[in-house]
Amino acid sequence: MRTYQGRVVEIQMDKAGQVAAWIACPASAIPSAGQYIVARLRSGCEAALGTHLFPSRITTEGFLAVASIPRTWSPGASLALTRPLGRGFNPPSSARRLALAALGDTPARLMPLAEAALTQDSAVALFTDAELPPLPASIEAYPLAALPEAIPWADFVALDLPIEALPTLAKRLGLADRQALPCPAQALVVTPMPCAGYACCGACAVPSPRLWKMACQDGPVFALNELDWRNA
């Protein structure tokens, strides 16, 4: 497996105690919105499975990584990085009104999608009950309870969705039984992915209408109609 060399530039902590790390790396190692990489220290002892990193901000020289950043990481530390793994977000090119909803403990994994949308002069609304990161003034933030009101407005919905939230998703979206969303929607399913697709361990299995899908390979971003969220 090919690896890339990365470097920890800075460690950050927000008001809620969430830790993030700026990672400098080659452009080919930078994950897109919703993708992830696996990182390990090049020296010293660390978990054999490495640390799964999602981007919350992306630049030409690296990205701001959100994850359970190991305490052994410090500025200047050298990292071995995998290539970007999994499927990321892929909104329709025509989408101009994006509703982003984080149902878990952070909206950070949705931020690269928001920033990309703003560069195309799209309108972005963020729905979350979690601590807000610094936001551009053009992004409007609302509690999750307001999400159903935004569904008729949006022409694309993106979710950061812990797998345990699947059974309550229809209620969160304000949908009646079997009612369909009026626009395309994709969900980043947040679930442990210990093997990162290299061992087919099945630990990240996600229910779909026909067969189980693996978040590490088939996702972690899925079109909402690929998930069996009605019967979860």
Protein backbone atom coordinates (compact mmCIF):
# COMPACT_ATOMS: atom_id res chain seq x y z
CA MET A 1 0.00 0.00 0.00
CA ARG A 2 1.43 3.34 -1.03
CA THR A 3 1.78 5.96 1.67
CA TYR A 4 2.43 9.68 1.60
CA GLN A 5 4.45 11.76 3.99
CA GLY A 6 2.57 14.30 6.07
CA ARG A 7 3.44 16.60 8.91
CA VAL A 8 1.48 17.90 11.88
CA VAL A 9 1.61 21.69 11.60
CA GLU A 10 -0.67 22.70 14.47
CA ILE A 11 -2.95 21.18 17.11
CA GLN A 12 -6.19 23.05 17.89
CA MET A 13 -8.95 22.66 20.48
CA ASP A 14 -12.38 24.28 20.28
CA LYS A 15 -14.70 25.42 23.08
CA ALA A 16 -16.30 21.98 23.30
CA GLY A 17 -12.93 20.28 23.73
CA GLN A 18 -12.86 18.86 20.19
CA VAL A 19 -9.27 18.48 19.01
CA ALA A 20 -8.20 19.02 15.40
CA ALA A 21 -4.84 19.01 13.64
CA TRP A 22 -3.56 20.90 10.63
CA ILE A 23 -1.82 18.37 8.37
CA ALA A 24 0.60 19.42 5.63
CA CYS A 25 0.77 16.85 2.82
CA PRO A 26 0.93 16.42 -0.97
CA ALA A 27 -2.19 17.38 -2.90
CA SER A 28 -2.79 13.73 -3.86
CA ALA A 29 -3.14 12.82 -0.17
CA ILE A 30 -5.79 15.45 0.63
CA PRO A 31 -9.25 13.89 1.05
CA SER A 32 -12.25 15.61 -0.47
CA ALA A 33 -15.35 16.48 1.57
CA GLY A 34 -16.62 13.24 3.12
CA GLN A 35 -13.56 11.15 2.26
CA TYR A 36 -11.02 10.05 4.86
CA ILE A 37 -7.41 8.93 5.21
CA VAL A 38 -5.61 6.79 7.78
CA ALA A 39 -2.57 8.32 9.47
CA ARG A 40 0.19 6.87 11.64
CA LEU A 41 3.23 8.39 13.28
CA ARG A 42 6.37 7.48 11.35
CA SER A 43 8.23 6.95 14.63
CA GLY A 44 7.12 5.73 18.05
CA CYS A 45 4.34 3.44 19.20
CA GLU A 46 0.77 3.96 18.06
CA ALA A 47 -2.40 1.99 17.50
CA ALA A 48 -1.85 -0.59 14.76
CA LEU A 49 -4.99 0.51 12.90
CA GLY A 50 -3.93 4.14 12.76
CA THR A 51 -6.14 7.21 13.08
CA HIS A 52 -8.96 7.95 10.64
CA LEU A 53 -8.96 11.60 9.60
CA PHE A 54 -11.73 13.57 7.90
CA PRO A 55 -11.14 17.09 6.55
CA SER A 56 -12.94 20.07 8.04
CA ARG A 57 -11.02 22.63 5.99
CA ILE A 58 -9.01 22.09 2.83
CA THR A 59 -6.19 24.17 1.35
CA THR A 60 -3.74 23.58 -1.48
CA GLU A 61 -1.08 22.54 1.04
CA GLY A 62 -3.05 20.26 3.35
CA PHE A 63 -6.16 20.08 5.50
CA LEU A 64 -7.54 20.54 8.99
CA ALA A 65 -8.22 17.04 10.28
CA VAL A 66 -10.98 16.13 12.72
CA ALA A 67 -10.84 12.85 14.62
CA SER A 68 -9.75 11.54 17.98
CA ILE A 69 -6.31 13.07 17.55
CA PRO A 70 -3.78 10.96 19.53
CA ARG A 71 -2.06 12.69 22.43
CA THR A 72 1.25 11.48 21.02
CA TRP A 73 0.86 13.84 18.05
CA SER A 74 2.55 17.21 18.34
CA PRO A 75 3.50 20.00 15.92
CA GLY A 76 6.34 18.87 13.69
CA ALA A 77 5.53 15.16 13.97
CA SER A 78 5.99 13.17 10.75
CA LEU A 79 3.04 11.05 9.58
CA ALA A 80 2.53 8.21 7.13
CA LEU A 81 -0.74 8.82 5.27
CA THR A 82 -2.82 6.57 3.05
CA ARG A 83 -4.36 7.83 -0.15
CA PRO A 84 -7.86 9.32 0.22
CA LEU A 85 -10.31 6.51 0.92
CA GLY A 86 -14.02 5.97 0.33
CA ARG A 87 -16.65 8.03 -1.44
CA GLY A 88 -17.13 11.68 -0.59
CA PHE A 89 -19.95 14.12 -1.18
CA ASN A 90 -20.96 14.73 -4.79
CA PRO A 91 -23.75 17.32 -4.95
CA PRO A 92 -25.46 18.03 -8.28
CA SER A 93 -23.69 20.76 -10.22
CA SER A 94 -27.02 22.60 -10.43
CA ALA A 95 -27.49 22.73 -6.63
CA ARG A 96 -27.65 26.33 -5.39
CA ARG A 97 -29.46 25.95 -2.03
CA LEU A 98 -27.73 23.51 0.31
CA ALA A 99 -29.11 22.35 3.64
CA LEU A 100 -26.34 20.78 5.74
CA ALA A 101 -27.35 18.93 8.90
CA ALA A 102 -25.07 17.41 11.53
CA LEU A 103 -26.97 14.96 13.73
CA GLY A 104 -23.93 14.05 15.82
CA ASP A 105 -21.44 15.86 18.01
CA THR A 106 -19.84 18.10 15.36
CA PRO A 107 -20.66 19.72 12.01
CA ALA A 108 -16.94 19.91 11.13
CA ARG A 109 -17.01 17.15 8.50
CA LEU A 110 -19.59 19.16 6.50
CA MET A 111 -17.51 22.33 6.36
CA PRO A 112 -15.49 21.55 3.20
CA LEU A 113 -18.77 21.01 1.37
CA ALA A 114 -20.05 24.34 2.65
CA GLU A 115 -16.90 26.19 1.60
CA ALA A 116 -16.99 24.66 -1.89
CA ALA A 117 -20.65 25.67 -2.28
CA LEU A 118 -19.90 29.25 -1.28
CA THR A 119 -17.27 29.54 -4.01
CA GLN A 120 -20.10 28.85 -6.49
CA ASP A 121 -22.31 31.56 -4.94
CA SER A 122 -24.67 28.94 -3.51
CA ALA A 123 -26.75 29.57 -0.40
CA VAL A 124 -25.83 27.38 2.57
CA ALA A 125 -27.82 26.73 5.74
CA LEU A 126 -26.37 24.65 8.59
CA PHE A 127 -28.51 22.73 11.08
CA THR A 128 -26.97 21.34 14.25
CA ASP A 129 -27.31 21.22 18.01
CA ALA A 130 -23.54 20.82 18.42
CA GLU A 131 -20.94 23.49 19.11
CA LEU A 132 -20.51 25.67 16.03
CA PRO A 133 -17.09 26.09 14.42
CA PRO A 134 -16.11 29.54 13.10
CA LEU A 135 -18.47 30.14 10.19
CA PRO A 136 -18.41 32.54 7.23
CA ALA A 137 -21.01 35.26 7.64
CA SER A 138 -22.86 33.95 4.59
CA ILE A 139 -23.71 30.62 6.29
CA GLU A 140 -26.88 30.72 8.36
CA ALA A 141 -26.97 28.37 11.37
CA TYR A 142 -30.10 26.89 12.95
CA PRO A 143 -30.96 24.20 15.51
CA LEU A 144 -31.85 20.74 14.19
CA ALA A 145 -35.50 21.33 15.07
CA ALA A 146 -35.67 23.83 12.20
CA LEU A 147 -34.50 21.33 9.56
CA PRO A 148 -37.98 20.25 8.36
CA GLU A 149 -38.78 23.86 7.44
CA ALA A 150 -35.72 23.97 5.16
CA ILE A 151 -36.51 20.81 3.18
CA PRO A 152 -38.88 22.54 0.69
CA TRP A 153 -36.27 25.31 0.21
CA ALA A 154 -33.22 23.13 -0.39
CA ASP A 155 -32.23 21.59 -3.71
CA PHE A 156 -29.60 19.40 -2.00
CA VAL A 157 -29.38 17.99 1.52
CA ALA A 158 -26.14 16.74 3.09
CA LEU A 159 -26.12 14.92 6.42
CA ASP A 160 -23.45 14.02 8.95
CA LEU A 161 -25.24 10.99 10.32
CA PRO A 162 -24.14 8.76 13.21
CA ILE A 163 -25.33 5.25 12.38
CA GLU A 164 -27.32 5.10 15.62
CA ALA A 165 -29.39 8.07 14.38
CA LEU A 166 -30.80 6.15 11.39
CA PRO A 167 -34.04 5.12 13.18
CA THR A 168 -34.97 8.75 13.90
CA LEU A 169 -33.94 10.23 10.56
CA ALA A 170 -37.41 10.48 9.02
CA LYS A 171 -38.64 12.38 12.09
CA ARG A 172 -35.61 14.69 11.98
CA LEU A 173 -36.39 15.48 8.35
CA GLY A 174 -40.07 16.05 9.11
CA LEU A 175 -41.19 13.31 6.71
CA ALA A 176 -44.35 11.29 7.09
CA ASP A 177 -44.33 7.52 6.61
CA ARG A 178 -42.85 6.67 3.18
CA GLN A 179 -42.80 10.34 2.18
CA ALA A 180 -39.88 11.06 -0.15
CA LEU A 181 -37.51 13.99 0.00
CA PRO A 182 -38.18 16.54 -2.75
CA CYS A 183 -34.47 16.87 -3.60
CA PRO A 184 -31.30 14.75 -3.77
CA ALA A 185 -29.71 13.93 -0.42
CA GLN A 186 -26.47 12.32 0.70
CA ALA A 187 -25.34 11.17 4.13
CA LEU A 188 -21.90 10.70 5.63
CA VAL A 189 -22.53 7.70 7.89
CA VAL A 190 -20.38 7.99 11.00
CA THR A 191 -19.46 4.54 12.28
CA PRO A 192 -16.23 2.77 13.29
CA MET A 193 -14.23 1.63 10.23
CA PRO A 194 -11.36 -0.30 11.83
CA CYS A 195 -9.92 -1.97 8.72
CA ALA A 196 -10.38 1.02 6.36
CA GLY A 197 -11.43 -1.38 3.62
CA TYR A 198 -8.26 -3.47 3.61
CA ALA A 199 -9.58 -6.53 5.45
CA CYS A 200 -13.35 -6.59 4.74
CA CYS A 201 -13.97 -7.08 8.47
CA GLY A 202 -17.65 -6.10 8.27
CA ALA A 203 -17.53 -3.94 11.39
CA CYS A 204 -18.82 -0.89 9.49
CA ALA A 205 -21.84 -2.61 7.90
CA VAL A 206 -24.65 -0.22 7.02
CA PRO A 207 -28.21 -1.39 6.22
CA SER A 208 -29.40 -0.87 2.65
CA PRO A 209 -32.69 -1.91 1.00
CA ARG A 210 -31.17 -5.09 -0.48
CA LEU A 211 -27.74 -5.91 0.91
CA TRP A 212 -25.53 -4.59 3.66
CA LYS A 213 -23.01 -2.01 2.51
CA MET A 214 -19.60 -1.26 4.02
CA ALA A 215 -19.05 2.35 5.07
CA CYS A 216 -15.28 2.06 4.58
CA GLN A 217 -15.58 1.06 0.90
CA ASP A 218 -19.08 1.80 -0.38
CA GLY A 219 -19.25 5.03 1.63
CA PRO A 220 -18.80 6.61 4.03
CA VAL A 221 -21.00 8.99 1.99
CA PHE A 222 -24.14 7.37 0.57
CA ALA A 223 -27.05 8.66 -1.45
CA LEU A 224 -29.93 8.56 1.00
CA ASN A 225 -31.87 6.12 -1.19
CA GLU A 226 -28.98 3.64 -0.80
CA LEU A 227 -29.69 3.36 2.93
CA ASP A 228 -32.47 1.45 4.64
CA TRP A 229 -33.23 4.32 6.98
CA ARG A 230 -36.99 3.78 6.93
CA ASN A 231 -36.72 0.37 8.59
CA ALA A 232 -33.56 0.86 10.65
